[in-house]
Protein backbone atom coordinates (compact mmCIF):
# COMPACT_ATOMS: atom_id res chain seq x y z
CA MET A 1 18.72 16.16 -7.09
CA SER A 2 15.84 13.52 -7.35
CA ALA A 3 14.90 10.56 -9.86
CA ILE A 4 12.19 12.33 -9.98
CA GLY A 5 12.04 16.12 -10.12
CA SER A 6 13.54 18.33 -12.61
CA GLU A 7 14.70 22.03 -13.80
CA ALA A 8 11.20 22.01 -15.02
CA ASN A 9 9.76 21.46 -11.88
CA SER A 10 11.47 24.24 -10.37
CA LYS A 11 10.32 27.69 -9.31
CA ALA A 12 12.50 30.46 -9.06
CA HIS A 13 11.48 33.28 -6.34
CA SER A 14 13.85 35.68 -5.71
CA LYS A 15 17.14 34.99 -4.67
CA GLU A 16 15.43 31.34 -3.93
CA ARG A 17 14.22 28.37 -5.60
CA ILE A 18 11.31 25.81 -5.03
CA PHE A 19 11.39 22.32 -6.46
CA SER A 20 8.58 20.65 -6.16
CA PHE A 21 8.34 16.11 -6.95
CA ALA A 22 5.49 13.57 -7.41
CA GLN A 23 5.57 10.29 -6.42
CA ASP A 24 2.61 8.76 -8.31
CA ILE A 25 2.68 5.44 -6.70
CA PRO A 26 1.67 4.99 -2.80
CA ILE A 27 4.86 4.21 -0.58
CA PRO A 28 4.79 3.83 3.25
CA SER A 29 7.28 6.44 5.00
CA TYR A 30 9.78 4.30 5.93
CA LEU A 31 10.72 4.70 2.26
CA ILE A 32 11.03 8.16 1.89
CA ALA A 33 13.99 9.44 2.14
CA ILE A 34 16.38 13.05 1.03
CA ALA A 35 19.60 13.60 0.13
CA VAL A 36 21.73 17.22 -0.16
CA GLY A 37 24.71 17.36 -1.08
CA ALA A 38 27.94 18.13 -4.01
CA LEU A 39 26.58 15.61 -6.04
CA GLU A 40 26.91 15.02 -9.65
CA SER A 41 25.64 12.26 -12.34
CA ARG A 42 25.76 10.26 -15.33
CA ASP A 43 24.16 8.09 -17.41
CA ILE A 44 24.34 4.28 -16.88
CA GLY A 45 20.79 3.36 -19.07
CA PRO A 46 17.75 4.67 -20.62
CA ARG A 47 16.51 5.03 -17.29
CA SER A 48 19.37 4.83 -15.05
CA LYS A 49 21.76 7.42 -13.70
CA VAL A 50 23.84 7.19 -11.13
CA TRP A 51 25.13 9.39 -8.56
CA SER A 52 27.82 10.93 -6.82
CA GLU A 53 30.53 13.50 -5.39
CA LYS A 54 32.94 14.70 -8.17
CA GLU A 55 35.23 12.69 -5.85
CA PHE A 56 33.79 9.10 -7.39
CA ILE A 57 31.36 9.71 -9.83
CA GLU A 58 33.13 8.08 -12.61
CA ALA A 59 34.13 5.14 -10.68
CA ALA A 60 30.46 4.60 -9.50
CA ALA A 61 29.48 4.66 -13.61
CA TYR A 62 32.07 2.01 -13.95
CA GLU A 63 30.85 -0.41 -11.42
CA PHE A 64 27.23 -0.25 -11.44
CA ALA A 65 26.70 -0.37 -15.72
CA ASN A 66 25.21 -3.64 -15.71
CA THR A 67 21.55 -1.55 -13.65
CA GLU A 68 19.72 -2.01 -17.00
CA HIS A 69 20.81 -6.19 -17.60
CA GLN A 70 19.39 -6.07 -13.99
CA LEU A 71 16.61 -4.53 -14.17
CA LYS A 72 15.93 -6.18 -17.89
CA THR A 73 15.75 -9.22 -15.53
CA ALA A 74 13.82 -8.50 -12.86
CA GLU A 75 11.09 -7.31 -15.41
CA GLU A 76 11.37 -10.82 -16.57
CA ILE A 77 10.76 -12.29 -13.08
CA CYS A 78 8.71 -10.06 -11.59
CA GLY A 79 6.76 -8.48 -14.79
CA PRO A 80 6.84 -3.99 -15.84
CA TYR A 81 9.46 -2.01 -13.46
CA LEU A 82 6.47 0.70 -12.57
CA TRP A 83 8.34 3.48 -11.20
CA GLY A 84 10.22 4.66 -14.25
CA ARG A 85 13.55 5.49 -13.03
CA TYR A 86 15.56 3.48 -11.81
CA ASP A 87 18.90 5.85 -10.13
CA LEU A 88 21.84 4.88 -7.50
CA LEU A 89 23.04 7.45 -5.14
CA VAL A 90 26.82 6.65 -3.87
CA LEU A 91 26.69 7.81 -0.46
CA PRO A 92 29.49 8.45 2.56
CA PRO A 93 31.22 6.13 4.16
CA SER A 94 29.90 7.23 7.05
CA PHE A 95 26.27 5.42 6.00
CA PRO A 96 25.50 2.19 7.61
CA PHE A 97 24.15 -0.48 5.17
CA GLY A 98 25.00 -1.50 1.84
CA GLY A 99 21.96 -0.69 0.35
CA MET A 100 18.76 1.50 0.65
CA GLU A 101 15.91 0.64 -1.53
CA ASN A 102 14.47 3.64 -1.55
CA PRO A 103 12.02 4.59 -5.00
CA CYS A 104 13.62 5.44 -8.01
CA LEU A 105 16.78 6.31 -6.73
CA THR A 106 18.54 4.05 -4.32
CA PHE A 107 20.91 4.68 -1.40
CA VAL A 108 24.37 2.77 -1.80
CA THR A 109 27.55 2.68 0.59
CA PRO A 110 30.10 3.64 -1.14
CA THR A 111 32.35 0.38 -0.29
CA LEU A 112 30.67 -1.54 -3.44
CA LEU A 113 33.15 0.51 -5.40
CA ALA A 114 35.35 -2.79 -5.43
CA GLY A 115 36.47 -1.78 -9.53
CA ASP A 116 35.33 -4.68 -10.62
CA ARG A 117 32.13 -4.99 -10.62
CA SER A 118 31.78 -7.95 -8.08
CA LEU A 119 29.54 -6.42 -5.55
CA ALA A 120 27.36 -4.78 -7.57
CA ASN A 121 25.29 -7.32 -7.27
CA VAL A 122 23.81 -5.41 -4.00
CA VAL A 123 21.79 -3.31 -6.48
CA ALA A 124 20.10 -6.51 -7.93
CA HIS A 125 18.68 -6.95 -4.30
CA GLU A 126 17.62 -3.17 -3.91
CA ILE A 127 15.51 -4.23 -8.10
CA ALA A 128 14.24 -6.80 -6.12
CA HIS A 129 12.87 -4.61 -3.97
CA SER A 130 10.93 -2.18 -6.71
CA TRP A 131 8.78 -5.72 -5.95
CA THR A 132 8.91 -6.72 -3.15
CA GLY A 133 8.62 -3.55 -0.03
CA ASN A 134 7.70 -1.09 -2.63
CA LEU A 135 4.84 -1.94 -4.09
CA VAL A 136 4.07 -5.32 -1.92
CA THR A 137 4.86 -4.56 1.99
CA ASN A 138 4.87 -6.03 4.95
CA ALA A 139 1.79 -3.97 7.84
CA ASN A 140 4.65 -3.96 10.44
CA PHE A 141 8.38 -5.26 10.90
CA GLU A 142 7.04 -8.01 12.88
CA HIS A 143 6.83 -9.70 9.37
CA PHE A 144 9.49 -8.05 7.75
CA TRP A 145 10.51 -11.11 6.50
CA LEU A 146 7.88 -11.20 3.75
CA ASN A 147 10.06 -7.98 2.47
CA GLU A 148 13.47 -9.41 2.75
CA GLY A 149 12.90 -13.56 2.25
CA PHE A 150 11.22 -12.99 -1.01
CA THR A 151 13.35 -9.86 -2.11
CA VAL A 152 16.34 -12.35 -2.04
CA LEU A 153 15.14 -15.00 -3.65
CA ILE A 154 14.20 -13.17 -6.04
CA GLU A 155 17.88 -10.92 -6.44
CA ARG A 156 19.49 -14.68 -6.51
CA LYS A 157 17.12 -15.57 -9.79
CA ILE A 158 18.24 -12.33 -11.17
CA VAL A 159 22.13 -13.33 -10.25
CA GLY A 160 21.59 -17.32 -11.50
CA ARG A 161 20.33 -15.03 -14.96
CA LEU A 162 22.95 -13.24 -15.62
CA GLU A 163 25.49 -15.31 -14.23
CA ASN A 164 24.41 -19.09 -13.77
CA ALA A 165 22.30 -20.85 -11.92
CA GLN A 166 25.80 -22.71 -10.30
CA LEU A 167 26.43 -19.51 -8.74
CA GLN A 168 22.53 -18.47 -7.68
CA ASP A 169 23.17 -22.37 -5.41
CA PHE A 170 26.72 -21.36 -4.34
CA GLU A 171 24.84 -18.02 -2.70
CA ALA A 172 22.15 -19.40 -1.01
CA TYR A 173 24.73 -21.98 0.32
CA ASP A 174 27.07 -19.30 1.84
CA GLY A 175 23.48 -17.64 2.78
CA LEU A 176 22.84 -20.66 4.70
CA GLN A 177 25.82 -21.27 6.76
CA GLU A 178 25.33 -17.37 7.59
CA LEU A 179 21.99 -18.47 8.68
CA LYS A 180 23.39 -21.45 11.14
CA ASP A 181 26.58 -18.36 12.11
CA THR A 182 23.77 -16.51 13.32
CA ILE A 183 21.20 -18.97 14.69
CA LYS A 184 23.95 -20.02 17.08
CA ARG A 185 25.35 -16.91 18.70
CA MET A 186 21.67 -15.41 19.19
CA GLY A 187 20.66 -19.28 20.49
CA SER A 188 18.40 -21.30 19.34
CA GLU A 189 15.70 -20.90 20.94
CA ASN A 190 15.85 -16.81 21.68
CA PRO A 191 12.35 -15.72 19.36
CA LEU A 192 13.98 -13.67 17.67
CA THR A 193 15.52 -16.09 15.26
CA LYS A 194 11.82 -17.03 14.55
CA LEU A 195 10.23 -15.59 11.11
CA VAL A 196 7.70 -14.28 12.89
CA VAL A 197 8.47 -12.50 15.76
CA ASP A 198 6.95 -10.54 18.67
CA LEU A 199 8.56 -6.35 18.71
CA LYS A 200 6.48 -5.83 21.57
CA GLY A 201 8.73 -3.58 23.88
CA ILE A 202 11.42 -4.28 21.80
CA HIS A 203 13.55 -2.07 18.83
CA PRO A 204 12.96 -3.30 15.35
CA ASP A 205 16.30 -2.51 15.12
CA ASP A 206 17.80 -4.97 17.94
CA ALA A 207 15.67 -7.65 16.43
CA PHE A 208 17.64 -7.18 13.28
CA SER A 209 19.61 -10.53 11.65
CA THR A 210 20.16 -11.96 8.44
CA VAL A 211 17.27 -14.27 9.62
CA PRO A 212 14.44 -12.86 7.77
CA TYR A 213 16.76 -12.59 4.33
CA GLU A 214 18.49 -16.22 4.74
CA LYS A 215 15.56 -18.01 6.47
CA GLY A 216 12.90 -16.16 4.67
CA GLN A 217 14.25 -17.06 1.41
CA LEU A 218 14.66 -20.44 2.62
CA PHE A 219 11.10 -21.24 3.44
CA LEU A 220 10.47 -19.56 -0.13
CA ARG A 221 12.59 -22.33 -1.84
CA TYR A 222 11.00 -25.00 -0.31
CA LEU A 223 7.14 -23.65 -0.48
CA GLU A 224 9.06 -23.28 -4.57
CA LYS A 225 10.23 -27.03 -4.43
CA THR A 226 6.21 -27.87 -3.19
CA VAL A 227 4.33 -26.34 -5.50
CA GLY A 228 6.45 -27.48 -8.68
CA GLY A 229 10.07 -25.79 -8.64
CA PRO A 230 11.15 -22.94 -9.64
CA GLY A 231 9.24 -20.38 -11.15
CA LYS A 232 6.15 -21.77 -9.98
CA LEU A 233 5.68 -19.90 -7.01
CA LEU A 234 6.13 -16.46 -8.50
CA THR A 235 4.29 -17.47 -11.05
CA SER A 236 0.99 -18.18 -9.15
CA LEU A 237 1.34 -15.00 -6.81
CA TRP A 238 1.47 -12.25 -9.57
């Protein structure tokens, strides 16, 4: 299966089948992913399916039923969604992240299947990456905050429009507390608490923390306020 492949793109060759796929938008190599398994799908919108093993497919279709609303809201903020499909793949529990924004096919953890859609806002974050990270990507991972700071900012704007501004601010406050806890644990003088880090001799995974997400988002909110309030920063950038 693929969000941008279909039966029409396959060729039978004796007992084998050859599938071909095309991605017309340039992407960095870290966004290329392949998933193989006994998977089923359900339509959850005019440009979206959710894929999972059959045991989880109905729960996944229910949990992510608001994906199209999130996509449309993101388009109101960022402009047209250029990737065509936006599908979701629910991975096994061993998947170590909440989500991964592979273009056209976001990978998500089954721990999001809460049964009440209370954790579905993770999808808003991955949708936001369709612009910040996937269309425009940091040159290297010393500037990882450019990917995640902008994405968290847009994610919370999506939540604010779909839910309310109070929830948007509450999530920002909660993120601030998490950032403070992270800096306390890492040490306030730790160079990895900076927005732009020096990764010479350091594996990027060892530098991973909430800092580029929450500190980046806070810096962008400060810039947004400085240039005239909500909406002004993104308008001036694209």
